[in-house]
Structures are given as structure tokens and as C-alpha cells.
Protein backbone atom coordinates (compact mmCIF):
# COMPACT_ATOMS: atom_id res chain seq x y z
CA MET A 1 -0.87 65.18 140.09
CA GLU A 2 -3.10 62.66 138.99
CA ALA A 3 -5.88 65.45 138.68
CA GLU A 4 -3.49 67.32 135.97
CA LYS A 5 -3.06 64.32 134.16
CA ASN A 6 -6.56 63.61 133.43
CA TRP A 7 -8.25 67.01 133.07
CA LYS A 8 -8.50 66.49 129.34
CA LEU A 9 -10.32 63.11 129.59
CA LYS A 10 -12.62 64.88 132.53
CA LEU A 11 -13.16 67.92 130.37
CA ARG A 12 -14.03 65.70 127.07
CA TYR A 13 -16.55 63.73 129.27
CA GLY A 14 -18.32 66.80 131.14
CA LYS A 15 -16.77 65.84 134.66
CA LEU A 16 -14.96 69.02 134.26
CA GLN A 17 -17.06 71.93 133.35
CA THR A 18 -15.92 75.27 131.66
CA PRO A 19 -17.95 78.05 130.09
CA PHE A 20 -14.61 78.57 127.99
CA GLN A 21 -13.71 77.49 124.54
CA HIS A 22 -10.06 76.84 123.52
CA PHE A 23 -8.72 78.78 120.55
CA THR A 24 -5.26 79.32 119.23
CA MET A 25 -4.83 82.92 117.90
CA MET A 26 -2.45 84.47 115.49
CA ALA A 27 -2.19 88.22 114.30
CA GLU A 28 -0.34 89.96 111.82
CA GLY A 29 1.50 93.11 113.07
CA GLU A 30 4.55 94.91 114.14
CA ILE A 31 6.72 94.92 117.22
CA VAL A 32 6.50 98.58 118.58
CA GLU A 33 8.04 98.51 121.85
CA THR A 34 10.80 96.60 123.25
CA ASN A 35 10.21 93.74 125.50
CA ALA A 36 12.67 92.02 127.87
CA ASP A 37 10.88 88.71 127.47
CA PHE A 38 10.81 88.36 123.87
CA ASP A 39 14.17 89.13 121.65
CA ILE A 40 12.63 90.88 118.82
CA GLN A 41 13.49 94.37 117.62
CA VAL A 42 11.17 97.24 117.26
CA GLY A 43 9.91 97.60 114.01
CA THR A 44 9.89 94.25 113.18
CA PRO A 45 6.81 92.58 111.14
CA ALA A 46 5.89 89.65 112.88
CA PHE A 47 2.92 87.10 113.49
CA PHE A 48 2.11 86.95 117.11
CA ARG A 49 0.65 83.72 118.23
CA MET A 50 -0.87 82.51 121.32
CA ASN A 51 -3.48 79.84 122.78
CA VAL A 52 -6.44 81.24 124.90
CA TRP A 53 -9.48 80.00 126.96
CA ALA A 54 -12.04 82.31 126.11
CA LEU A 55 -16.15 82.70 126.44
CA ASP A 56 -16.20 83.21 122.46
CA ALA A 57 -14.11 83.76 119.46
CA GLU A 58 -14.81 87.43 119.58
CA GLN A 59 -13.62 87.82 123.24
CA ALA A 60 -10.26 85.57 121.86
CA VAL A 61 -9.62 88.24 119.36
CA ASP A 62 -10.09 91.01 121.92
CA MET A 63 -7.56 89.23 124.02
CA ILE A 64 -4.90 88.82 121.27
CA ILE A 65 -5.14 92.58 120.38
CA THR A 66 -5.41 93.70 124.29
CA ILE A 67 -2.16 91.36 125.04
CA GLY A 68 -0.42 92.19 122.25
CA ARG A 69 -0.52 95.87 123.01
CA HIS A 70 0.57 95.22 126.50
CA ILE A 71 3.56 93.30 125.38
CA GLY A 72 4.66 95.96 122.62
CA PHE A 73 2.95 94.42 119.50
CA GLU A 74 0.64 96.41 117.43
CA THR A 75 -2.14 94.56 115.06
CA THR A 76 -1.63 95.85 111.63
CA GLY A 77 -3.14 92.92 109.66
CA ARG A 78 -5.34 89.94 109.72
CA VAL A 79 -6.26 88.26 112.92
CA TYR A 80 -6.69 84.11 112.73
CA THR A 81 -8.85 82.31 115.03
CA TYR A 82 -9.02 78.57 115.15
CA SER A 83 -10.83 76.17 117.59
CA THR A 84 -8.08 73.98 118.83
CA GLU A 85 -7.42 71.10 121.44
CA ALA A 86 -6.11 72.71 124.61
CA LYS A 87 -2.59 72.03 125.82
CA GLU A 88 -3.20 73.42 129.24
CA PRO A 89 -6.57 73.10 131.28
CA PRO A 90 -8.95 76.16 131.72
CA ASN A 91 -9.07 78.27 134.85
CA GLU A 92 -11.81 80.25 136.69
CA ASN A 93 -10.88 83.20 134.19
CA PRO A 94 -10.31 83.58 130.32
CA ARG A 95 -6.72 83.37 130.01
CA ALA A 96 -3.84 83.02 127.51
CA TYR A 97 -0.68 80.94 127.24
CA ASP A 98 2.18 80.16 124.94
CA LEU A 99 2.82 83.56 123.63
CA ASN A 100 5.11 83.38 120.43
CA PHE A 101 6.36 85.76 117.88
CA THR A 102 7.57 84.81 114.40
CA PRO A 103 9.30 87.74 112.66
CA PHE A 104 8.87 88.12 108.81
CA GLU A 105 10.15 90.19 105.90
CA LYS A 106 7.85 92.44 104.15
CA ASP A 107 8.05 92.49 100.17
């Protein structure tokens, strides 16, 4: 439990090493398949957001597109990449967490 509390400090001061960088990703697109985990209708335009630990920004972009497809989202617009502070510690492999959709209406 104590190790979980101090992971940010350990990461900041080099006691916890990771080859990964943390990003918050956002992609514009459309829901193309129903997904029981997300209450959003097919055909709805939405922004898909997630946090990722990835080797670099290119891998983070690949992750949001691939994970989006896997859960029924097709990226049709821009993908935004932000280097951000992590809410969860890194693992041994690249990973995503805090997946979220924000629907919007097209003009």
C-alpha cells in the first residue's frame, strides 16, 4: 500500500524507472458499434479520450486508434496528444486507462 502511495515521487526522483511517457489522448470520430461498457448510440459523433503510458507520442496515437476500433469507435477527425502527469503508475507494458466518450452534435 505504501509503495502505491509514493509511486509519483519515486518516478519523479528516478527511483522508479520506466521507458514510457505519459500522455492524455483525444480523438474525434464516431461510434460505429454498440459497446455494453459505454452507453452511446451507433452513429453518434464523439470525442474519445484516454490516458496512456507509451514509448512515444507516435505509439500513443496508434493506441488510441487501435483501442478505439476495438471498442466500436472510428477516428474520423483529428487526434490530439498532450504530455500530462499520470494518475496511475506505469506497468511493464504500454497501457491505457480512463477511457471516456464525450458525444457532440455536428453542425
